[in-house]
Protein backbone atom coordinates (compact mmCIF):
# COMPACT_ATOMS: atom_id res chain seq x y z
CA MET A 1 -43.56 34.76 -0.47
CA HIS A 2 -45.67 34.08 2.61
CA ASN A 3 -44.01 33.72 6.00
CA LEU A 4 -45.95 30.84 7.55
CA LEU A 5 -44.54 31.37 11.02
CA ASP A 6 -45.67 35.01 11.04
CA GLU A 7 -49.14 33.92 9.97
CA THR A 8 -49.42 31.20 12.60
CA HIS A 9 -48.03 33.47 15.30
CA ARG A 10 -50.58 36.18 14.54
CA ALA A 11 -53.38 33.65 14.76
CA SER A 12 -52.09 32.27 18.05
CA CYS A 13 -52.01 35.70 19.68
CA LEU A 14 -55.75 36.10 19.07
CA ARG A 15 -56.52 33.26 21.46
CA GLU A 16 -56.46 35.13 24.73
CA ASN A 17 -57.66 32.22 26.85
CA LEU A 18 -54.73 29.94 26.03
CA THR A 19 -51.85 29.42 28.43
CA SER A 20 -48.24 29.13 27.31
CA SER A 21 -47.68 25.82 25.50
CA SER A 22 -50.70 24.10 27.08
CA TYR A 23 -50.71 21.13 24.74
CA GLY A 24 -54.19 19.72 24.22
CA GLU A 25 -55.33 16.12 24.27
CA GLY A 26 -54.58 13.88 21.35
CA LEU A 27 -51.35 15.56 20.23
CA GLU A 28 -48.80 13.07 19.00
CA THR A 29 -45.28 13.50 20.35
CA ASP A 30 -42.12 11.44 19.94
CA ARG A 31 -41.36 11.77 23.65
CA THR A 32 -43.23 13.20 26.62
CA THR A 33 -42.73 16.85 27.54
CA SER A 34 -43.96 16.36 31.11
CA GLN A 35 -40.53 16.90 32.68
CA VAL A 36 -39.71 20.04 30.67
CA PRO A 37 -40.98 23.39 32.06
CA ARG A 38 -43.41 24.70 29.45
CA GLN A 39 -42.19 28.26 29.83
CA SER A 40 -38.74 27.02 28.74
CA LEU A 41 -39.89 25.68 25.36
CA THR A 42 -39.58 27.27 21.94
CA ARG A 43 -41.93 26.22 19.14
CA GLN A 44 -41.24 26.22 15.42
CA LEU A 45 -42.83 24.88 12.27
CA LYS A 46 -41.97 21.31 11.30
CA TYR A 47 -40.84 21.51 7.69
CA ASP A 48 -41.61 18.56 5.43
CA GLY A 49 -38.42 17.73 3.57
CA PHE A 50 -35.06 16.02 3.90
CA ARG A 51 -33.29 16.53 7.22
CA SER A 52 -29.73 17.58 6.50
CA LEU A 53 -26.56 19.04 7.85
CA ALA A 54 -24.91 21.74 5.76
CA VAL A 55 -21.13 21.45 6.18
CA ILE A 56 -19.27 24.48 4.81
CA HIS A 57 -15.49 24.33 4.58
CA ASN A 58 -12.85 25.74 2.25
CA GLY A 59 -15.47 27.44 0.09
CA ARG A 60 -17.43 24.24 -0.48
CA THR A 61 -20.80 23.17 0.95
CA GLN A 62 -21.88 19.57 1.36
CA PHE A 63 -25.28 18.35 2.52
CA ILE A 64 -25.19 15.27 4.77
CA SER A 65 -28.24 13.07 5.42
CA ARG A 66 -29.30 12.01 8.91
CA ASN A 67 -27.71 8.62 8.24
CA GLY A 68 -24.36 10.25 7.49
CA HIS A 69 -24.48 9.98 3.69
CA PRO A 70 -23.77 12.93 1.36
CA PHE A 71 -26.67 14.15 -0.77
CA SER A 72 -25.60 14.10 -4.41
CA SER A 73 -28.59 15.82 -6.04
CA PHE A 74 -28.46 19.34 -4.59
CA GLY A 75 -25.44 20.80 -6.36
CA ASN A 76 -27.06 24.14 -7.19
CA LEU A 77 -28.34 24.54 -3.64
CA SER A 78 -24.84 23.83 -2.32
CA LYS A 79 -23.48 26.69 -4.40
CA ALA A 80 -26.12 29.03 -2.95
CA LEU A 81 -25.03 28.40 0.65
CA THR A 82 -21.75 30.04 1.58
CA SER A 83 -20.02 31.17 4.74
CA PRO A 84 -17.98 34.34 5.39
CA TYR A 85 -15.69 32.32 7.67
CA ALA A 86 -12.52 30.43 6.77
CA GLY A 87 -13.04 27.66 9.34
CA LYS A 88 -15.56 24.85 9.20
CA THR A 89 -19.20 25.85 9.70
CA VAL A 90 -22.00 23.34 10.30
CA LEU A 91 -25.73 24.10 10.15
CA ASP A 92 -28.60 21.78 11.03
CA GLY A 93 -31.71 22.15 8.93
CA GLU A 94 -34.11 20.82 6.32
CA ILE A 95 -34.04 20.77 2.52
CA VAL A 96 -37.53 21.75 1.38
CA CYS A 97 -39.45 22.58 -1.80
CA LEU A 98 -42.09 25.31 -1.45
CA ASP A 99 -45.14 25.96 -3.59
CA LYS A 100 -46.35 29.44 -4.60
CA GLN A 101 -48.09 29.83 -1.22
CA GLY A 102 -44.86 29.08 0.64
CA LYS A 103 -46.02 25.63 1.82
CA PRO A 104 -43.67 22.62 1.72
CA GLN A 105 -44.40 20.07 -1.00
CA PHE A 106 -42.60 16.82 -0.27
CA ASN A 107 -43.27 15.11 -3.60
CA ASP A 108 -41.84 18.07 -5.50
CA LEU A 109 -38.64 17.58 -3.51
CA LEU A 110 -38.63 13.80 -3.86
CA PHE A 111 -39.19 13.84 -7.63
CA HIS A 112 -37.10 16.98 -8.35
CA ARG A 113 -40.07 19.02 -9.55
CA GLY A 114 -39.22 22.22 -7.71
CA GLU A 115 -36.35 24.42 -6.62
CA PRO A 116 -35.16 23.31 -3.15
CA CYS A 117 -34.34 25.68 -0.31
CA PHE A 118 -32.43 25.09 2.90
CA PHE A 119 -34.20 26.00 6.14
CA ALA A 120 -31.61 26.31 8.91
CA PHE A 121 -32.69 25.42 12.46
CA VAL A 122 -29.52 25.92 14.42
CA LEU A 123 -25.77 26.48 14.18
CA LEU A 124 -23.55 23.63 15.43
CA MET A 125 -20.12 24.92 14.46
CA SER A 126 -19.06 28.44 13.50
CA ASP A 127 -15.68 29.18 11.94
CA GLY A 128 -14.23 26.05 13.56
CA LYS A 129 -15.76 26.69 17.01
CA ASP A 130 -17.96 23.87 18.33
CA LEU A 131 -21.22 25.39 19.62
CA ARG A 132 -23.06 22.19 20.57
CA THR A 133 -22.63 22.73 24.30
CA GLU A 134 -24.14 26.24 24.10
CA LYS A 135 -27.83 26.71 24.90
CA LEU A 136 -30.30 26.66 22.04
CA THR A 137 -31.16 30.36 22.13
CA ASP A 138 -27.49 31.33 21.86
CA ARG A 139 -26.93 28.97 18.94
CA LYS A 140 -29.96 30.38 17.13
CA GLN A 141 -28.73 33.92 17.73
CA GLU A 142 -25.38 33.03 16.19
CA LEU A 143 -27.20 31.39 13.27
CA ARG A 144 -29.23 34.53 12.64
CA ARG A 145 -26.04 36.61 12.73
CA LEU A 146 -24.36 34.28 10.23
CA LEU A 147 -27.30 34.21 7.81
CA SER A 148 -27.51 38.00 7.84
CA ARG A 149 -24.20 37.87 5.97
CA VAL A 150 -25.31 35.17 3.50
CA PRO A 151 -27.48 35.71 0.37
CA ALA A 152 -31.00 34.69 1.41
CA SER A 153 -32.45 33.62 -1.93
CA ARG A 154 -32.46 29.88 -1.11
CA VAL A 155 -31.32 29.83 2.52
CA ARG A 156 -33.85 30.63 5.24
CA TYR A 157 -33.68 31.08 9.00
CA VAL A 158 -36.24 29.01 10.93
CA ASP A 159 -37.79 31.36 13.45
CA HIS A 160 -39.72 30.33 16.58
CA VAL A 161 -42.29 31.51 19.09
CA GLU A 162 -42.13 31.13 22.86
CA GLN A 163 -45.83 31.10 23.80
CA HIS A 164 -49.25 29.88 22.69
CA GLY A 165 -48.11 26.43 21.59
CA THR A 166 -51.63 25.03 21.34
CA ALA A 167 -52.89 27.85 19.14
CA LEU A 168 -49.84 27.52 16.92
CA PHE A 169 -50.44 23.80 16.50
CA GLN A 170 -54.15 24.29 15.78
CA HIS A 171 -53.39 26.84 13.07
CA VAL A 172 -50.72 24.58 11.58
CA CYS A 173 -53.34 21.83 11.28
CA LYS A 174 -55.77 24.28 9.70
CA LEU A 175 -53.15 25.14 7.08
CA ASP A 176 -52.54 21.41 6.47
CA LEU A 177 -48.88 21.55 7.54
CA GLU A 178 -46.94 18.63 9.02
CA GLY A 179 -46.76 19.85 12.62
CA ILE A 180 -44.55 21.77 15.02
CA VAL A 181 -41.38 21.06 17.00
CA ALA A 182 -40.91 22.12 20.62
CA LYS A 183 -37.35 22.56 21.91
CA HIS A 184 -35.91 23.34 25.32
CA SER A 185 -34.59 26.92 25.16
CA PHE A 186 -31.59 26.39 27.42
CA SER A 187 -30.48 22.92 26.37
CA PRO A 188 -27.22 21.94 24.66
CA TYR A 189 -27.27 19.98 21.42
CA THR A 190 -27.48 16.28 22.25
CA THR A 191 -27.43 13.13 20.13
CA GLU A 192 -28.52 10.77 22.92
CA LEU A 193 -32.10 9.50 22.79
CA GLU A 194 -32.50 9.55 26.56
CA ARG A 195 -31.45 13.20 26.79
CA THR A 196 -33.18 14.62 23.74
CA THR A 197 -34.97 17.92 24.28
CA TRP A 198 -36.71 18.08 20.91
CA PHE A 199 -40.37 17.07 20.76
CA LYS A 200 -42.26 16.61 17.51
CA ILE A 201 -45.98 17.37 17.64
CA LYS A 202 -47.47 15.96 14.46
CA ASN A 203 -50.64 16.80 12.56
CA ARG A 204 -52.29 13.39 12.34
CA ASN A 205 -54.49 14.55 9.44
CA TYR A 206 -51.62 15.91 7.35
CA SER A 207 -52.65 15.13 3.78
CA GLN A 208 -49.14 14.62 2.38
CA MET A 209 -48.34 11.83 4.84
CA GLU A 210 -50.66 9.30 3.21
CA GLY A 211 -48.74 6.32 1.85
CA ARG A 212 -45.40 7.59 3.12
CA GLU A 213 -45.20 5.94 6.53
CA LYS A 214 -43.88 2.57 5.38
CA LEU A 215 -41.38 4.17 3.02
CA PHE A 216 -39.41 5.80 5.84
CA GLU A 217 -40.19 3.47 8.74
CA ARG A 218 -36.83 1.66 8.57
CA GLU A 219 -34.78 4.86 8.42
CA ARG A 220 -36.65 6.44 11.33
CA HIS A 221 -35.90 3.49 13.62
CA GLN A 222 -32.22 3.69 12.71
CA GLU A 223 -32.03 7.32 13.88
CA PRO A 224 -30.67 7.37 17.48
CA ALA A 225 -32.53 10.54 18.48
CA PRO A 226 -35.53 12.51 17.23
CA GLY A 227 -33.15 15.38 16.63
CA TRP A 228 -29.95 14.54 14.77
CA HIS A 229 -26.86 12.38 15.11
CA GLY A 230 -24.91 13.03 11.89
CA CYS A 231 -23.30 16.07 13.51
CA ASP A 232 -20.90 13.65 15.21
CA LEU A 233 -19.45 12.91 11.79
CA ALA A 234 -19.28 16.53 10.70
CA CYS A 235 -17.64 17.70 13.93
CA ALA A 236 -15.32 14.72 14.46
CA GLU A 237 -12.24 16.46 13.09
CA MET A 238 -12.64 19.39 15.46
CA GLU A 239 -13.13 17.07 18.45
CA GLN A 240 -9.86 15.32 17.60
CA GLU A 241 -8.03 18.66 17.59
CA TYR A 242 -9.47 19.54 21.02
CA ALA A 243 -8.25 16.20 22.40
CA ARG A 244 -4.62 16.86 21.42
């Protein structure tokens, strides 16, 4: 199966005249990146699927939506995601269906026409240890270490690049993908809108977005931050133990 990030990264490196993350005109972002040093940003593909937490505890995995509701239709995928640890483990990621070229197909996911995979962005809790105050690069390193011990058939690590953001975005648009996400490398995991360090750069010509905007408009406005807020629910038990 194709690795889209590898392909986009190779294309970006061919553009010798581009500076690190020099976003061009007309790019749509959820929030401005003007106050974030560009050399401190990571960039990753924006996967078109269902945003989800994967909460693993006592040998059982549950997927939680961004509104805090359990997903009930991904039982087989839940069985494919395990943890070698006894304590609670929480991953932030996206449930996605891929076609034969390795490209996300949202309607296949929505109408249960394909086999879903879980693309993990970051690790929020590992074996009962809350990692949300750790910097992004450390949390991703821990995630990679965890997934190296987990069967990879339907669980994928979301890799990133640290340079050539414009070239990456241009190639993503050429491939007709949804966009990219830029994240501050050294930031903790926050659920507050005013402090968010995630920036979505969307492909305005993305073909699969047609007719979908109104469907999810209400849910998007209910989300406190462009990143994620359901982790407060998943990590609440651990926070209570720390407060004792």
